[in-house]
């Protein structure tokens, strides 16, 4: 009578289960650039590619996981082809540029006041920026809105 040792079969079953579990964990998605993207350049989908990661990125660096995370944003640093793109390397596009006059509004109840001012800083939607009143020369702060105007509140 031939006896079979059950340990090798059990070992193989556990090894395949362990390997399958590891590959499922390691299959994360990330975004890389397909060409060099220079600082100040707006990032478009045609310059990006989604890849599957073999292992998670090192450290606590947050990287772009989907194309939508960085499409339309602007590079802060040079992005090299085939490299992961840290979220801190991109920013929202500026809606307000330094020196380009913008409309500033103040709204409270039925009262609405608007004027033209010159931004002293760049600003994306939601950013608080400093501005200079064209007529009086006084400086003040306001919040950039999604339509490219700036809103100020009561002092």
Protein backbone atom coordinates (compact mmCIF):
# COMPACT_ATOMS: atom_id res chain seq x y z
CA UNK A 1 0.00 0.00 0.00
CA UNK A 2 1.33 3.42 -1.03
CA UNK A 3 0.73 6.30 1.33
CA UNK A 4 0.53 9.85 -0.01
CA UNK A 5 1.85 12.67 2.05
CA UNK A 6 -0.87 15.39 2.22
CA UNK A 7 1.58 18.16 3.24
CA UNK A 8 2.95 18.97 -0.27
CA UNK A 9 -0.58 19.29 -1.68
CA UNK A 10 -1.62 21.51 1.23
CA UNK A 11 1.53 23.60 0.81
CA UNK A 12 0.84 24.10 -2.92
CA UNK A 13 -2.78 25.12 -2.24
CA UNK A 14 -1.72 27.67 0.39
CA UNK A 15 1.07 29.02 -1.83
CA UNK A 16 -1.31 29.59 -4.76
CA UNK A 17 -3.88 31.24 -2.46
CA UNK A 18 -1.18 33.50 -0.98
CA UNK A 19 0.15 34.44 -4.43
CA UNK A 20 -3.36 35.21 -5.70
CA UNK A 21 -4.03 37.40 -2.67
CA UNK A 22 -0.80 39.34 -3.18
CA UNK A 23 -1.46 40.00 -6.85
CA UNK A 24 -4.96 41.28 -6.04
CA UNK A 25 -3.56 43.73 -3.49
CA UNK A 26 -0.73 44.90 -5.74
CA UNK A 27 -2.99 45.59 -8.76
CA UNK A 28 -3.54 49.28 -8.11
CA UNK A 29 -3.95 51.76 -10.92
CA UNK A 30 -1.92 54.97 -11.38
CA UNK A 31 -1.34 57.63 -14.02
CA UNK A 32 1.96 58.35 -15.80
CA UNK A 33 2.83 60.86 -18.51
CA UNK A 34 3.66 59.65 -22.02
CA UNK A 35 5.95 62.62 -22.76
CA UNK A 36 7.81 65.34 -20.91
CA UNK A 37 5.39 67.91 -19.46
CA UNK A 38 7.01 71.18 -18.44
CA UNK A 39 6.07 73.47 -15.51
CA UNK A 40 3.21 75.81 -16.39
CA UNK A 41 1.90 73.49 -19.13
CA UNK A 42 -1.75 72.45 -19.01
CA UNK A 43 -2.04 68.68 -18.81
CA UNK A 44 -4.33 66.93 -21.29
CA UNK A 45 -5.51 63.33 -21.43
CA UNK A 46 -3.56 62.62 -24.64
CA UNK A 47 -0.29 63.13 -22.68
CA UNK A 48 -1.27 60.58 -20.00
CA UNK A 49 -1.54 56.83 -19.65
CA UNK A 50 -3.07 54.61 -16.96
CA UNK A 51 -0.87 51.76 -15.72
CA UNK A 52 -1.27 48.94 -13.23
CA UNK A 53 1.17 49.05 -10.30
CA UNK A 54 3.10 45.97 -9.31
CA UNK A 55 3.63 47.32 -5.82
CA UNK A 56 2.33 50.36 -3.94
CA UNK A 57 4.35 53.60 -4.16
CA UNK A 58 6.93 54.20 -1.44
CA UNK A 59 6.28 56.56 1.42
CA UNK A 60 3.16 58.58 1.99
CA UNK A 61 3.21 60.35 -1.38
CA UNK A 62 -0.26 60.64 -2.90
CA UNK A 63 -0.11 59.93 -6.63
CA UNK A 64 -2.68 60.44 -9.37
CA UNK A 65 -4.80 57.30 -9.66
CA UNK A 66 -7.18 58.25 -12.49
CA UNK A 67 -6.94 60.44 -15.59
CA UNK A 68 -9.68 62.69 -14.22
CA UNK A 69 -7.47 63.50 -11.19
CA UNK A 70 -5.12 65.64 -13.29
CA UNK A 71 -6.81 66.32 -16.63
CA UNK A 72 -6.91 70.10 -17.21
CA UNK A 73 -4.57 70.87 -14.30
CA UNK A 74 -1.24 72.65 -14.68
CA UNK A 75 2.16 71.10 -13.96
CA UNK A 76 4.12 72.70 -11.10
CA UNK A 77 7.23 70.62 -11.88
CA UNK A 78 8.61 68.77 -14.87
CA UNK A 79 6.75 65.45 -15.32
CA UNK A 80 8.85 62.75 -16.93
CA UNK A 81 7.45 59.98 -19.15
CA UNK A 82 6.68 56.69 -17.43
CA UNK A 83 6.97 58.13 -13.91
CA UNK A 84 4.18 58.30 -11.34
CA UNK A 85 2.70 61.78 -10.91
CA UNK A 86 2.47 63.02 -7.31
CA UNK A 87 -0.65 65.11 -6.70
CA UNK A 88 1.56 67.88 -5.27
CA UNK A 89 3.22 68.27 -8.72
CA UNK A 90 0.00 69.66 -10.26
CA UNK A 91 -2.32 72.56 -9.46
CA UNK A 92 -5.64 73.92 -10.64
CA UNK A 93 -5.50 76.26 -13.64
CA UNK A 94 -5.55 79.95 -12.74
CA UNK A 95 -8.78 81.75 -13.56
CA UNK A 96 -7.34 85.13 -12.55
CA UNK A 97 -3.91 86.31 -13.70
CA UNK A 98 -1.79 89.00 -12.07
CA UNK A 99 -2.28 92.36 -13.79
CA UNK A 100 -5.34 91.37 -15.87
CA UNK A 101 -8.36 93.43 -14.69
CA UNK A 102 -11.28 91.47 -13.27
CA UNK A 103 -14.81 92.23 -12.12
CA UNK A 104 -15.21 92.31 -8.35
CA UNK A 105 -18.65 91.99 -6.77
CA UNK A 106 -20.09 92.59 -3.32
CA UNK A 107 -23.53 91.13 -2.60
CA UNK A 108 -25.56 91.49 0.57
CA UNK A 109 -29.31 91.00 0.40
CA UNK A 110 -30.72 93.21 -2.36
CA UNK A 111 -27.54 95.32 -2.52
CA UNK A 112 -25.08 94.45 -5.30
CA UNK A 113 -21.96 96.48 -6.05
CA UNK A 114 -19.43 95.71 -8.79
CA UNK A 115 -16.17 97.35 -9.84
CA UNK A 116 -13.02 96.61 -11.81
CA UNK A 117 -9.79 95.77 -9.97
CA UNK A 118 -6.33 94.50 -10.81
CA UNK A 119 -5.27 91.22 -9.15
CA UNK A 120 -1.92 91.33 -7.36
CA UNK A 121 -1.72 87.50 -7.37
CA UNK A 122 -2.74 84.58 -9.55
CA UNK A 123 -5.81 82.68 -8.39
CA UNK A 124 -7.77 79.50 -9.07
CA UNK A 125 -11.40 78.93 -8.07
CA UNK A 126 -11.74 79.22 -4.30
CA UNK A 127 -8.41 81.02 -3.75
CA UNK A 128 -8.29 84.20 -1.68
CA UNK A 129 -6.24 86.82 -3.52
CA UNK A 130 -5.19 90.43 -3.06
CA UNK A 131 -6.47 93.06 -5.52
CA UNK A 132 -6.02 96.78 -6.15
CA UNK A 133 -8.95 99.08 -6.89
CA UNK A 134 -8.22 100.78 -10.24
CA UNK A 135 -9.83 104.09 -9.23
CA UNK A 136 -8.70 104.54 -5.61
CA UNK A 137 -5.52 102.45 -5.54
CA UNK A 138 -6.56 100.75 -2.29
CA UNK A 139 -5.81 97.05 -1.83
CA UNK A 140 -8.27 94.45 -0.55
CA UNK A 141 -8.84 90.70 -0.65
CA UNK A 142 -11.47 88.59 -2.35
CA UNK A 143 -12.29 85.01 -3.30
CA UNK A 144 -12.00 83.83 -6.92
CA UNK A 145 -15.24 82.31 -8.25
CA UNK A 146 -15.55 79.55 -10.87
CA UNK A 147 -16.61 82.07 -13.55
CA UNK A 148 -13.37 84.11 -13.17
CA UNK A 149 -14.88 86.97 -11.14
CA UNK A 150 -13.93 87.84 -7.57
CA UNK A 151 -16.31 88.22 -4.66
CA UNK A 152 -15.63 90.28 -1.54
CA UNK A 153 -17.45 90.17 1.76
CA UNK A 154 -18.21 92.79 4.41
CA UNK A 155 -15.23 93.98 6.42
